[in-house]
C-alpha atoms as a PDB file:
ATOM      1  CA  UNK A   1      -0.273  -0.004   0.061  1.00  0.00           C
ATOM      2  CA  UNK A   2       1.438   3.092  -1.048  1.00  0.00           C
ATOM      3  CA  UNK A   3       1.638   6.223   1.817  1.00  0.00           C
ATOM      4  CA  UNK A   4       0.048   9.656   0.137  1.00  0.00           C
ATOM      5  CA  UNK A   5       2.195  12.804  -0.361  1.00  0.00           C
ATOM      6  CA  UNK A   6       0.599  13.904   3.423  1.00  0.00           C
ATOM      7  CA  UNK A   7       1.044  10.560   5.285  1.00  0.00           C
ATOM      8  CA  UNK A   8       4.761  11.068   3.455  1.00  0.00           C
ATOM      9  CA  UNK A   9       5.663  13.858   4.958  1.00  0.00           C
ATOM     10  CA  UNK A  10       4.563  13.268   7.927  1.00  0.00           C
ATOM     11  CA  UNK A  11       6.220  10.301   8.455  1.00  0.00           C
ATOM     12  CA  UNK A  12       9.194  12.035   7.391  1.00  0.00           C
ATOM     13  CA  UNK A  13       8.895  14.521   9.946  1.00  0.00           C
ATOM     14  CA  UNK A  14       8.109  11.880  13.115  1.00  0.00           C
ATOM     15  CA  UNK A  15      11.519   9.546  11.703  1.00  0.00           C
ATOM     16  CA  UNK A  16      13.959  12.862  11.880  1.00  0.00           C
ATOM     17  CA  UNK A  17      12.681  14.397  14.741  1.00  0.00           C
ATOM     18  CA  UNK A  18      12.301  10.858  16.992  1.00  0.00           C
ATOM     19  CA  UNK A  19      13.771   8.212  15.008  1.00  0.00           C
ATOM     20  CA  UNK A  20      17.598  10.305  13.958  1.00  0.00           C
ATOM     21  CA  UNK A  21      18.420  10.804  17.295  1.00  0.00           C
ATOM     22  CA  UNK A  22      17.340   7.475  18.683  1.00  0.00           C
ATOM     23  CA  UNK A  23      19.132   6.094  16.131  1.00  0.00           C
ATOM     24  CA  UNK A  24      22.094   8.258  17.081  1.00  0.00           C
ATOM     25  CA  UNK A  25      22.308   7.384  20.632  1.00  0.00           C
ATOM     26  CA  UNK A  26      21.887   3.595  19.377  1.00  0.00           C
ATOM     27  CA  UNK A  27      24.530   3.685  17.358  1.00  0.00           C
ATOM     28  CA  UNK A  28      27.388   5.549  19.596  1.00  0.00           C
ATOM     29  CA  UNK A  29      26.216   3.106  22.376  1.00  0.00           C
ATOM     30  CA  UNK A  30      26.437   0.438  20.194  1.00  0.00           C
ATOM     31  CA  UNK A  31      30.092   1.066  18.562  1.00  0.00           C
ATOM     32  CA  UNK A  32      31.318   2.416  21.970  1.00  0.00           C
ATOM     33  CA  UNK A  33      30.405  -0.743  23.580  1.00  0.00           C
ATOM     34  CA  UNK A  34      32.442  -2.676  20.378  1.00  0.00           C
ATOM     35  CA  UNK A  35      35.194  -1.000  20.762  1.00  0.00           C
ATOM     36  CA  UNK A  36      35.135  -1.444  24.942  1.00  0.00           C
ATOM     37  CA  UNK A  37      35.801  -4.788  23.905  1.00  0.00           C
ATOM     38  CA  UNK A  38      37.996  -5.046  20.764  1.00  0.00           C
ATOM     39  CA  UNK A  39      40.293  -2.076  21.905  1.00  0.00           C
ATOM     40  CA  UNK A  40      40.282   1.154  20.044  1.00  0.00           C
ATOM     41  CA  UNK A  41      40.719   1.454  16.614  1.00  0.00           C
ATOM     42  CA  UNK A  42      42.704   3.671  14.752  1.00  0.00           C
ATOM     43  CA  UNK A  43      41.042   6.442  13.949  1.00  0.00           C
ATOM     44  CA  UNK A  44      40.462   5.745  10.118  1.00  0.00           C
ATOM     45  CA  UNK A  45      38.487   2.930  11.343  1.00  0.00           C
ATOM     46  CA  UNK A  46      36.185   4.675  13.454  1.00  0.00           C
ATOM     47  CA  UNK A  47      35.692   7.425  11.237  1.00  0.00           C
ATOM     48  CA  UNK A  48      34.596   4.556   8.303  1.00  0.00           C
ATOM     49  CA  UNK A  49      32.197   2.954  11.097  1.00  0.00           C
ATOM     50  CA  UNK A  50      30.503   6.256  11.616  1.00  0.00           C
ATOM     51  CA  UNK A  51      30.044   7.177   7.988  1.00  0.00           C
ATOM     52  CA  UNK A  52      28.720   3.606   7.266  1.00  0.00           C
ATOM     53  CA  UNK A  53      26.214   3.830   9.677  1.00  0.00           C
ATOM     54  CA  UNK A  54      25.153   7.126   9.181  1.00  0.00           C
ATOM     55  CA  UNK A  55      24.290   5.945   5.756  1.00  0.00           C
ATOM     56  CA  UNK A  56      22.766   2.504   6.647  1.00  0.00           C
ATOM     57  CA  UNK A  57      19.782   4.324   8.754  1.00  0.00           C
ATOM     58  CA  UNK A  58      18.431   5.767   5.505  1.00  0.00           C
ATOM     59  CA  UNK A  59      18.281   2.555   3.405  1.00  0.00           C
ATOM     60  CA  UNK A  60      14.838   1.641   5.321  1.00  0.00           C
ATOM     61  CA  UNK A  61      13.107   4.749   4.835  1.00  0.00           C
ATOM     62  CA  UNK A  62      14.354   5.804   1.487  1.00  0.00           C
ATOM     63  CA  UNK A  63      10.434   5.606  -0.135  1.00  0.00           C
ATOM     64  CA  UNK A  64       9.512   7.348   2.746  1.00  0.00           C
ATOM     65  CA  UNK A  65      11.643  10.873   1.453  1.00  0.00           C
ATOM     66  CA  UNK A  66      11.964  10.108  -2.009  1.00  0.00           C
ATOM     67  CA  UNK A  67       9.448  13.635  -3.450  1.00  0.00           C
ATOM     68  CA  UNK A  68       8.762  14.724  -0.366  1.00  0.00           C
ATOM     69  CA  UNK A  69      10.542  18.210  -1.144  1.00  0.00           C
ATOM     70  CA  UNK A  70       8.861  18.623  -4.390  1.00  0.00           C
ATOM     71  CA  UNK A  71       5.185  20.168  -4.594  1.00  0.00           C
ATOM     72  CA  UNK A  72       2.242  18.151  -3.474  1.00  0.00           C
ATOM     73  CA  UNK A  73       1.346  16.384  -6.511  1.00  0.00           C
ATOM     74  CA  UNK A  74      -2.117  15.648  -5.303  1.00  0.00           C
ATOM     75  CA  UNK A  75      -2.843  19.324  -4.963  1.00  0.00           C
ATOM     76  CA  UNK A  76      -5.512  21.018  -8.075  1.00  0.00           C
ATOM     77  CA  UNK A  77      -3.696  22.890 -10.136  1.00  0.00           C
ATOM     78  CA  UNK A  78      -4.436  25.926 -11.723  1.00  0.00           C
ATOM     79  CA  UNK A  79      -3.999  29.438 -10.901  1.00  0.00           C
ATOM     80  CA  UNK A  80      -6.494  30.353  -7.890  1.00  0.00           C
ATOM     81  CA  UNK A  81      -5.140  31.191  -4.875  1.00  0.00           C
END
């Protein structure tokens, strides 16, 4: 079932305001826990880990964010205010 434009905008807002901060907290805690057991890696490896985690979070939500910045395709067309 495809989401309407307004529903996708609402979900995008919820994901960005609630989901993303929670993901950041869990990602940092997870990486810190992993590195606590394995020792601190070189700075480039830690940076690469955070870059990968920063890209991976969007994959499941790609369909929600597609076209959000565009005009509403369901809006009536015309010059009426």
